[in-house]
Amino acid sequence: MSVETLEKRSTSRKLAPKYRVLLHNDDFNSMEHVVQVLMQTVPNLTQPQAVSVMMEAHTNGIALVITCAFEHAEFYCETLKMHGLTSTIEPDE
């Protein structure tokens, strides 16, 4: 194996797989509650973005909240559930 091949192998980093956190529509929580929980749970999510996610879920039954590393996705999903929202995660392919 050449030194060049060895260097390339050691410097190329494999990116961690990403996961999608999904919000599902429900008939129990108010729109205001959903927006507040989204803003409290996901850092840097603005109110207009949270409203957009909530409306997407309300209209289409499901909405993408955030795409991130598995550990973060799991945390966001569980936190949304603790606040009474329906959330799942799936691989981002």
PDB file of N, CA and C in Angstrom:
ATOM      1  N   MET A   1       0.860  -1.183   0.000  1.00  0.00           N
ATOM      2  CA  MET A   1       0.000   0.000   0.000  1.00  0.00           C
ATOM      3  C   MET A   1       0.897   1.234   0.000  1.00  0.00           C
ATOM      4  N   SER A   2       0.599   2.174  -0.883  1.00  0.00           N
ATOM      5  CA  SER A   2       1.438   3.364  -0.965  1.00  0.00           C
ATOM      6  C   SER A   2       1.141   4.310   0.195  1.00  0.00           C
ATOM      7  N   VAL A   3       2.069   5.195   0.468  1.00  0.00           N
ATOM      8  CA  VAL A   3       1.906   6.189   1.533  1.00  0.00           C
ATOM      9  C   VAL A   3       0.726   7.108   1.199  1.00  0.00           C
ATOM     10  N   GLU A   4       0.574   7.439  -0.084  1.00  0.00           N
ATOM     11  CA  GLU A   4      -0.518   8.312  -0.514  1.00  0.00           C
ATOM     12  C   GLU A   4      -1.882   7.689  -0.190  1.00  0.00           C
ATOM     13  N   THR A   5      -2.047   6.411  -0.478  1.00  0.00           N
ATOM     14  CA  THR A   5      -3.305   5.714  -0.188  1.00  0.00           C
ATOM     15  C   THR A   5      -3.574   5.714   1.314  1.00  0.00           C
ATOM     16  N   LEU A   6      -2.548   5.453   2.096  1.00  0.00           N
ATOM     17  CA  LEU A   6      -2.662   5.426   3.547  1.00  0.00           C
ATOM     18  C   LEU A   6      -3.084   6.798   4.075  1.00  0.00           C
ATOM     19  N   GLU A   7      -2.487   7.866   3.551  1.00  0.00           N
ATOM     20  CA  GLU A   7      -2.825   9.221   3.984  1.00  0.00           C
ATOM     21  C   GLU A   7      -4.274   9.560   3.655  1.00  0.00           C
ATOM     22  N   LYS A   8      -4.696   9.210   2.449  1.00  0.00           N
ATOM     23  CA  LYS A   8      -6.082   9.488   2.050  1.00  0.00           C
ATOM     24  C   LYS A   8      -7.063   8.769   2.971  1.00  0.00           C
ATOM     25  N   ARG A   9      -6.754   7.522   3.297  1.00  0.00           N
ATOM     26  CA  ARG A   9      -7.637   6.729   4.143  1.00  0.00           C
ATOM     27  C   ARG A   9      -7.748   7.358   5.542  1.00  0.00           C
ATOM     28  N   SER A  10      -6.638   7.845   6.077  1.00  0.00           N
ATOM     29  CA  SER A  10      -6.641   8.366   7.441  1.00  0.00           C
ATOM     30  C   SER A  10      -7.246   9.767   7.540  1.00  0.00           C
ATOM     31  N   THR A  11      -7.238  10.508   6.440  1.00  0.00           N
ATOM     32  CA  THR A  11      -7.768  11.870   6.509  1.00  0.00           C
ATOM     33  C   THR A  11      -9.237  11.969   6.111  1.00  0.00           C
ATOM     34  N   SER A  12      -9.759  10.969   5.405  1.00  0.00           N
ATOM     35  CA  SER A  12     -11.165  11.048   5.021  1.00  0.00           C
ATOM     36  C   SER A  12     -12.022  10.568   6.189  1.00  0.00           C
ATOM     37  N   ARG A  13     -12.937  11.422   6.602  1.00  0.00           N
ATOM     38  CA  ARG A  13     -13.816  11.068   7.720  1.00  0.00           C
ATOM     39  C   ARG A  13     -15.168  10.652   7.187  1.00  0.00           C
ATOM     40  N   LYS A  14     -15.686   9.597   7.750  1.00  0.00           N
ATOM     41  CA  LYS A  14     -17.021   9.144   7.362  1.00  0.00           C
ATOM     42  C   LYS A  14     -18.031   9.940   8.187  1.00  0.00           C
ATOM     43  N   LEU A  15     -18.969  10.567   7.498  1.00  0.00           N
ATOM     44  CA  LEU A  15     -19.966  11.359   8.203  1.00  0.00           C
ATOM     45  C   LEU A  15     -20.967  10.440   8.901  1.00  0.00           C
ATOM     46  N   ALA A  16     -21.362  10.849  10.087  1.00  0.00           N
ATOM     47  CA  ALA A  16     -22.362  10.077  10.832  1.00  0.00           C
ATOM     48  C   ALA A  16     -23.680  10.133  10.068  1.00  0.00           C
ATOM     49  N   PRO A  17     -24.399   9.018  10.030  1.00  0.00           N
ATOM     50  CA  PRO A  17     -25.682   9.038   9.318  1.00  0.00           C
ATOM     51  C   PRO A  17     -26.655  10.001   9.983  1.00  0.00           C
ATOM     52  N   LYS A  18     -27.480  10.625   9.186  1.00  0.00           N
ATOM     53  CA  LYS A  18     -28.456  11.590   9.691  1.00  0.00           C
ATOM     54  C   LYS A  18     -29.815  10.923   9.842  1.00  0.00           C
ATOM     55  N   TYR A  19     -30.605  11.472  10.750  1.00  0.00           N
ATOM     56  CA  TYR A  19     -31.958  10.974  11.002  1.00  0.00           C
ATOM     57  C   TYR A  19     -32.945  12.133  10.970  1.00  0.00           C
ATOM     58  N   ARG A  20     -34.153  11.833  10.493  1.00  0.00           N
ATOM     59  CA  ARG A  20     -35.222  12.831  10.433  1.00  0.00           C
ATOM     60  C   ARG A  20     -36.117  12.674  11.653  1.00  0.00           C
ATOM     61  N   VAL A  21     -36.391  13.803  12.312  1.00  0.00           N
ATOM     62  CA  VAL A  21     -37.362  13.828  13.397  1.00  0.00           C
ATOM     63  C   VAL A  21     -38.674  14.295  12.781  1.00  0.00           C
ATOM     64  N   LEU A  22     -39.708  13.477  12.908  1.00  0.00           N
ATOM     65  CA  LEU A  22     -40.996  13.771  12.290  1.00  0.00           C
ATOM     66  C   LEU A  22     -42.053  14.072  13.347  1.00  0.00           C
ATOM     67  N   LEU A  23     -42.877  15.056  13.060  1.00  0.00           N
ATOM     68  CA  LEU A  23     -44.002  15.415  13.918  1.00  0.00           C
ATOM     69  C   LEU A  23     -45.270  14.947  13.223  1.00  0.00           C
ATOM     70  N   HIS A  24     -46.115  14.224  13.969  1.00  0.00           N
ATOM     71  CA  HIS A  24     -47.374  13.727  13.416  1.00  0.00           C
ATOM     72  C   HIS A  24     -48.524  14.573  13.940  1.00  0.00           C
ATOM     73  N   ASN A  25     -49.512  14.790  13.100  1.00  0.00           N
ATOM     74  CA  ASN A  25     -50.690  15.553  13.512  1.00  0.00           C
ATOM     75  C   ASN A  25     -51.472  14.766  14.557  1.00  0.00           C
ATOM     76  N   ASP A  26     -52.109  15.495  15.470  1.00  0.00           N
ATOM     77  CA  ASP A  26     -53.023  14.859  16.420  1.00  0.00           C
ATOM     78  C   ASP A  26     -54.223  15.783  16.624  1.00  0.00           C
ATOM     79  N   ASP A  27     -55.265  15.252  17.215  1.00  0.00           N
ATOM     80  CA  ASP A  27     -56.481  16.031  17.439  1.00  0.00           C
ATOM     81  C   ASP A  27     -56.591  16.505  18.882  1.00  0.00           C
ATOM     82  N   PHE A  28     -55.487  16.456  19.628  1.00  0.00           N
ATOM     83  CA  PHE A  28     -55.537  16.754  21.057  1.00  0.00           C
ATOM     84  C   PHE A  28     -54.878  18.073  21.428  1.00  0.00           C
ATOM     85  N   ASN A  29     -53.717  18.357  20.848  1.00  0.00           N
ATOM     86  CA  ASN A  29     -52.945  19.545  21.242  1.00  0.00           C
ATOM     87  C   ASN A  29     -53.331  20.769  20.431  1.00  0.00           C
ATOM     88  N   SER A  30     -53.346  21.920  21.113  1.00  0.00           N
ATOM     89  CA  SER A  30     -53.640  23.165  20.405  1.00  0.00           C
ATOM     90  C   SER A  30     -52.440  23.539  19.536  1.00  0.00           C
ATOM     91  N   MET A  31     -52.695  24.312  18.492  1.00  0.00           N
ATOM     92  CA  MET A  31     -51.628  24.752  17.596  1.00  0.00           C
ATOM     93  C   MET A  31     -50.587  25.558  18.376  1.00  0.00           C
ATOM     94  N   GLU A  32     -51.057  26.383  19.307  1.00  0.00           N
ATOM     95  CA  GLU A  32     -50.150  27.206  20.114  1.00  0.00           C
ATOM     96  C   GLU A  32     -49.218  26.324  20.946  1.00  0.00           C
ATOM     97  N   HIS A  33     -49.782  25.261  21.540  1.00  0.00           N
ATOM     98  CA  HIS A  33     -48.978  24.348  22.359  1.00  0.00           C
ATOM     99  C   HIS A  33     -47.895  23.683  21.505  1.00  0.00           C
ATOM    100  N   VAL A  34     -48.264  23.217  20.329  1.00  0.00           N
ATOM    101  CA  VAL A  34     -47.310  22.549  19.438  1.00  0.00           C
ATOM    102  C   VAL A  34     -46.169  23.500  19.081  1.00  0.00           C
ATOM    103  N   VAL A  35     -46.498  24.736  18.736  1.00  0.00           N
ATOM    104  CA  VAL A  35     -45.476  25.733  18.374  1.00  0.00           C
ATOM    105  C   VAL A  35     -44.552  25.991  19.564  1.00  0.00           C
ATOM    106  N   GLN A  36     -45.116  26.156  20.755  1.00  0.00           N
ATOM    107  CA  GLN A  36     -44.306  26.405  21.954  1.00  0.00           C
ATOM    108  C   GLN A  36     -43.362  25.241  22.249  1.00  0.00           C
ATOM    109  N   VAL A  37     -43.873  24.014  22.169  1.00  0.00           N
ATOM    110  CA  VAL A  37     -43.048  22.838  22.444  1.00  0.00           C
ATOM    111  C   VAL A  37     -41.922  22.725  21.418  1.00  0.00           C
ATOM    112  N   LEU A  38     -42.229  22.948  20.154  1.00  0.00           N
ATOM    113  CA  LEU A  38     -41.197  22.894  19.113  1.00  0.00           C
ATOM    114  C   LEU A  38     -40.088  23.903  19.398  1.00  0.00           C
ATOM    115  N   MET A  39     -40.477  25.114  19.760  1.00  0.00           N
ATOM    116  CA  MET A  39     -39.481  26.163  20.025  1.00  0.00           C
ATOM    117  C   MET A  39     -38.649  25.854  21.273  1.00  0.00           C
ATOM    118  N   GLN A  40     -39.261  25.250  22.281  1.00  0.00           N
ATOM    119  CA  GLN A  40     -38.535  24.888  23.506  1.00  0.00           C
ATOM    120  C   GLN A  40     -37.608  23.696  23.283  1.00  0.00           C
ATOM    121  N   THR A  41     -37.999  22.797  22.403  1.00  0.00           N
ATOM    122  CA  THR A  41     -37.276  21.538  22.215  1.00  0.00           C
ATOM    123  C   THR A  41     -36.105  21.658  21.251  1.00  0.00           C
ATOM    124  N   VAL A  42     -36.323  22.316  20.125  1.00  0.00           N
ATOM    125  CA  VAL A  42     -35.305  22.374  19.070  1.00  0.00           C
ATOM    126  C   VAL A  42     -34.588  23.717  19.109  1.00  0.00           C
ATOM    127  N   PRO A  43     -33.294  23.709  19.436  1.00  0.00           N
ATOM    128  CA  PRO A  43     -32.561  24.971  19.513  1.00  0.00           C
ATOM    129  C   PRO A  43     -32.526  25.677  18.155  1.00  0.00           C
ATOM    130  N   ASN A  44     -32.583  26.985  18.198  1.00  0.00           N
ATOM    131  CA  ASN A  44     -32.510  27.847  17.005  1.00  0.00           C
ATOM    132  C   ASN A  44     -33.737  27.752  16.099  1.00  0.00           C
ATOM    133  N   LEU A  45     -34.795  27.076  16.521  1.00  0.00           N
ATOM    134  CA  LEU A  45     -36.020  27.037  15.728  1.00  0.00           C
ATOM    135  C   LEU A  45     -36.808  28.316  16.036  1.00  0.00           C
ATOM    136  N   THR A  46     -37.014  29.130  15.022  1.00  0.00           N
ATOM    137  CA  THR A  46     -37.720  30.396  15.222  1.00  0.00           C
ATOM    138  C   THR A  46     -39.226  30.156  15.282  1.00  0.00           C
ATOM    139  N   GLN A  47     -39.963  31.154  15.736  1.00  0.00           N
ATOM    140  CA  GLN A  47     -41.419  31.000  15.788  1.00  0.00           C
ATOM    141  C   GLN A  47     -42.004  30.768  14.397  1.00  0.00           C
ATOM    142  N   PRO A  48     -41.615  31.534  13.367  1.00  0.00           N
ATOM    143  CA  PRO A  48     -42.153  31.253  12.025  1.00  0.00           C
ATOM    144  C   PRO A  48     -41.842  29.834  11.546  1.00  0.00           C
ATOM    145  N   GLN A  49     -40.651  29.321  11.856  1.00  0.00           N
ATOM    146  CA  GLN A  49     -40.295  27.958  11.464  1.00  0.00           C
ATOM    147  C   GLN A  49     -41.160  26.947  12.210  1.00  0.00           C
ATOM    148  N   ALA A  50     -41.367  27.176  13.508  1.00  0.00           N
ATOM    149  CA  ALA A  50     -42.194  26.271  14.323  1.00  0.00           C
ATOM    150  C   ALA A  50     -43.639  26.276  13.822  1.00  0.00           C
ATOM    151  N   VAL A  51     -44.144  27.453  13.475  1.00  0.00           N
ATOM    152  CA  VAL A  51     -45.506  27.566  12.925  1.00  0.00           C
ATOM    153  C   VAL A  51     -45.589  26.791  11.610  1.00  0.00           C
ATOM    154  N   SER A  52     -44.564  26.910  10.784  1.00  0.00           N
ATOM    155  CA  SER A  52     -44.528  26.220   9.500  1.00  0.00           C
ATOM    156  C   SER A  52     -44.546  24.700   9.681  1.00  0.00           C
ATOM    157  N   VAL A  53     -43.753  24.186  10.627  1.00  0.00           N
ATOM    158  CA  VAL A  53     -43.724  22.746  10.915  1.00  0.00           C
ATOM    159  C   VAL A  53     -45.094  22.297  11.411  1.00  0.00           C
ATOM    160  N   MET A  54     -45.668  23.058  12.343  1.00  0.00           N
ATOM    161  CA  MET A  54     -46.977  22.718  12.898  1.00  0.00           C
ATOM    162  C   MET A  54     -48.043  22.695  11.805  1.00  0.00           C
ATOM    163  N   MET A  55     -48.041  23.688  10.919  1.00  0.00           N
ATOM    164  CA  MET A  55     -49.036  23.760   9.836  1.00  0.00           C
ATOM    165  C   MET A  55     -48.856  22.609   8.836  1.00  0.00           C
ATOM    166  N   GLU A  56     -47.611  22.262   8.563  1.00  0.00           N
ATOM    167  CA  GLU A  56     -47.314  21.136   7.667  1.00  0.00           C
ATOM    168  C   GLU A  56     -47.909  19.847   8.240  1.00  0.00           C
ATOM    169  N   ALA A  57     -47.689  19.604   9.534  1.00  0.00           N
ATOM    170  CA  ALA A  57     -48.235  18.412  10.186  1.00  0.00           C
ATOM    171  C   ALA A  57     -49.762  18.468  10.204  1.00  0.00           C
ATOM    172  N   HIS A  58     -50.305  19.644  10.472  1.00  0.00           N
ATOM    173  CA  HIS A  58     -51.757  19.822  10.539  1.00  0.00           C
ATOM    174  C   HIS A  58     -52.401  19.546   9.175  1.00  0.00           C
ATOM    175  N   THR A  59     -51.759  20.026   8.127  1.00  0.00           N
ATOM    176  CA  THR A  59     -52.298  19.917   6.769  1.00  0.00           C
ATOM    177  C   THR A  59     -52.068  18.537   6.151  1.00  0.00           C
ATOM    178  N   ASN A  60     -50.839  18.010   6.300  1.00  0.00           N
ATOM    179  CA  ASN A  60     -50.457  16.775   5.610  1.00  0.00           C
ATOM    180  C   ASN A  60     -50.370  15.552   6.516  1.00  0.00           C
ATOM    181  N   GLY A  61     -50.565  15.759   7.815  1.00  0.00           N
ATOM    182  CA  GLY A  61     -50.520  14.634   8.743  1.00  0.00           C
ATOM    183  C   GLY A  61     -49.151  14.351   9.318  1.00  0.00           C
ATOM    184  N   ILE A  62     -48.110  14.903   8.683  1.00  0.00           N
ATOM    185  CA  ILE A  62     -46.738  14.672   9.142  1.00  0.00           C
ATOM    186  C   ILE A  62     -45.854  15.817   8.650  1.00  0.00           C
ATOM    187  N   ALA A  63     -44.814  16.126   9.441  1.00  0.00           N
ATOM    188  CA  ALA A  63     -43.902  17.205   9.051  1.00  0.00           C
ATOM    189  C   ALA A  63     -42.496  16.904   9.542  1.00  0.00           C
ATOM    190  N   LEU A  64     -41.516  17.343   8.780  1.00  0.00           N
ATOM    191  CA  LEU A  64     -40.115  17.230   9.171  1.00  0.00           C
ATOM    192  C   LEU A  64     -39.791  18.341  10.164  1.00  0.00           C
ATOM    193  N   VAL A  65     -39.283  17.959  11.342  1.00  0.00           N
ATOM    194  CA  VAL A  65     -38.896  18.944  12.350  1.00  0.00           C
ATOM    195  C   VAL A  65     -37.441  19.332  12.162  1.00  0.00           C
ATOM    196  N   ILE A  66     -36.557  18.326  12.106  1.00  0.00           N
ATOM    197  CA  ILE A  66     -35.121  18.576  11.976  1.00  0.00           C
ATOM    198  C   ILE A  66     -34.445  17.294  11.494  1.00  0.00           C
ATOM    199  N   THR A  67     -33.305  17.444  10.823  1.00  0.00           N
ATOM    200  CA  THR A  67     -32.471  16.316  10.425  1.00  0.00           C
ATOM    201  C   THR A  67     -31.148  16.462  11.171  1.00  0.00           C
ATOM    202  N   CYS A  68     -30.746  15.405  11.896  1.00  0.00           N
ATOM    203  CA  CYS A  68     -29.550  15.512  12.727  1.00  0.00           C
ATOM    204  C   CYS A  68     -29.003  14.122  13.046  1.00  0.00           C
ATOM    205  N   ALA A  69     -27.943  14.078  13.847  1.00  0.00           N
ATOM    206  CA  ALA A  69     -27.346  12.816  14.280  1.00  0.00           C
ATOM    207  C   ALA A  69     -28.353  12.028  15.119  1.00  0.00           C
ATOM    208  N   PHE A  70     -28.190  10.705  15.164  1.00  0.00           N
ATOM    209  CA  PHE A  70     -29.148   9.828  15.826  1.00  0.00           C
ATOM    210  C   PHE A  70     -29.414  10.207  17.285  1.00  0.00           C
ATOM    211  N   GLU A  71     -28.353  10.464  18.045  1.00  0.00           N
ATOM    212  CA  GLU A  71     -28.526  10.775  19.468  1.00  0.00           C
ATOM    213  C   GLU A  71     -29.379  12.022  19.659  1.00  0.00           C
ATOM    214  N   HIS A  72     -29.140  13.047  18.854  1.00  0.00           N
ATOM    215  CA  HIS A  72     -29.941  14.270  18.940  1.00  0.00           C
ATOM    216  C   HIS A  72     -31.376  14.001  18.504  1.00  0.00           C
ATOM    217  N   ALA A  73     -31.536  13.250  17.429  1.00  0.00           N
ATOM    218  CA  ALA A  73     -32.878  12.931  16.923  1.00  0.00           C
ATOM    219  C   ALA A  73     -33.682  12.194  17.985  1.00  0.00           C
ATOM    220  N   GLU A  74     -33.033  11.244  18.634  1.00  0.00           N
ATOM    221  CA  GLU A  74     -33.692  10.477  19.695  1.00  0.00           C
ATOM    222  C   GLU A  74     -34.121  11.399  20.846  1.00  0.00           C
ATOM    223  N   PHE A  75     -33.232  12.306  21.215  1.00  0.00           N
ATOM    224  CA  PHE A  75     -33.528  13.258  22.290  1.00  0.00           C
ATOM    225  C   PHE A  75     -34.718  14.151  21.924  1.00  0.00           C
ATOM    226  N   TYR A  76     -34.699  14.732  20.717  1.00  0.00           N
ATOM    227  CA  TYR A  76     -35.790  15.620  20.291  1.00  0.00           C
ATOM    228  C   TYR A  76     -37.111  14.861  20.245  1.00  0.00           C
ATOM    229  N   CYS A  77     -37.083  13.656  19.686  1.00  0.00           N
ATOM    230  CA  CYS A  77     -38.287  12.836  19.569  1.00  0.00           C
ATOM    231  C   CYS A  77     -38.865  12.544  20.951  1.00  0.00           C
ATOM    232  N   GLU A  78     -38.029  12.108  21.886  1.00  0.00           N
ATOM    233  CA  GLU A  78     -38.485  11.786  23.235  1.00  0.00           C
ATOM    234  C   GLU A  78     -39.013  13.027  23.960  1.00  0.00           C
ATOM    235  N   THR A  79     -38.340  14.157  23.765  1.00  0.00           N
ATOM    236  CA  THR A  79     -38.774  15.405  24.411  1.00  0.00           C
ATOM    237  C   THR A  79     -40.133  15.837  23.876  1.00  0.00           C
ATOM    238  N   LEU A  80     -40.340  15.734  22.569  1.00  0.00           N
ATOM    239  CA  LEU A  80     -41.642  16.065  21.988  1.00  0.00           C
ATOM    240  C   LEU A  80     -42.720  15.153  22.569  1.00  0.00           C
ATOM    241  N   LYS A  81     -42.408  13.874  22.699  1.00  0.00           N
ATOM    242  CA  LYS A  81     -43.364  12.911  23.262  1.00  0.00           C
ATOM    243  C   LYS A  81     -43.697  13.240  24.719  1.00  0.00           C
ATOM    244  N   MET A  82     -42.681  13.657  25.489  1.00  0.00           N
ATOM    245  CA  MET A  82     -42.904  14.000  26.900  1.00  0.00           C
ATOM    246  C   MET A  82     -43.870  15.181  27.038  1.00  0.00           C
ATOM    247  N   HIS A  83     -43.945  16.009  26.000  1.00  0.00           N
ATOM    248  CA  HIS A  83     -44.860  17.156  25.998  1.00  0.00           C
ATOM    249  C   HIS A  83     -46.193  16.827  25.324  1.00  0.00           C
ATOM    250  N   GLY A  84     -46.430  15.531  25.082  1.00  0.00           N
ATOM    251  CA  GLY A  84     -47.725  15.107  24.555  1.00  0.00           C
ATOM    252  C   GLY A  84     -47.863  15.111  23.051  1.00  0.00           C
ATOM    253  N   LEU A  85     -46.762  15.337  22.335  1.00  0.00           N
ATOM    254  CA  LEU A  85     -46.829  15.342  20.867  1.00  0.00           C
ATOM    255  C   LEU A  85     -46.449  13.955  20.343  1.00  0.00           C
ATOM    256  N   THR A  86     -46.893  13.647  19.143  1.00  0.00           N
ATOM    257  CA  THR A  86     -46.572  12.378  18.509  1.00  0.00           C
ATOM    258  C   THR A  86     -45.398  12.603  17.549  1.00  0.00           C
ATOM    259  N   SER A  87     -44.310  11.889  17.793  1.00  0.00           N
ATOM    260  CA  SER A  87     -43.087  12.077  17.006  1.00  0.00           C
ATOM    261  C   SER A  87     -42.413  10.741  16.765  1.00  0.00           C
ATOM    262  N   THR A  88     -41.768  10.627  15.601  1.00  0.00           N
ATOM    263  CA  THR A  88     -40.979   9.435  15.276  1.00  0.00           C
ATOM    264  C   THR A  88     -39.679   9.891  14.630  1.00  0.00           C
ATOM    265  N   ILE A  89     -38.722   8.965  14.531  1.00  0.00           N
ATOM    266  CA  ILE A  89     -37.490   9.249  13.789  1.00  0.00           C
ATOM    267  C   ILE A  89     -37.305   8.175  12.724  1.00  0.00           C
ATOM    268  N   GLU A  90     -36.629   8.572  11.643  1.00  0.00           N
ATOM    269  CA  GLU A  90     -36.318   7.625  10.576  1.00  0.00           C
ATOM    270  C   GLU A  90     -35.001   8.032   9.940  1.00  0.00           C
ATOM    271  N   PRO A  91     -34.296   7.061   9.341  1.00  0.00           N
ATOM    272  CA  PRO A  91     -33.036   7.407   8.675  1.00  0.00           C
ATOM    273  C   PRO A  91     -33.278   8.394   7.530  1.00  0.00           C
ATOM    274  N   ASP A  92     -32.357   9.315   7.351  1.00  0.00           N
ATOM    275  CA  ASP A  92     -32.426  10.280   6.254  1.00  0.00           C
ATOM    276  C   ASP A  92     -31.648   9.696   5.090  1.00  0.00           C
ATOM    277  N   GLU A  93     -32.354   9.120   4.129  1.00  0.00           N
ATOM    278  CA  GLU A  93     -31.670   8.444   3.021  1.00  0.00           C
ATOM    279  C   GLU A  93     -31.688   9.263   1.758  1.00  0.00           C
TER     280      GLU A  93
END
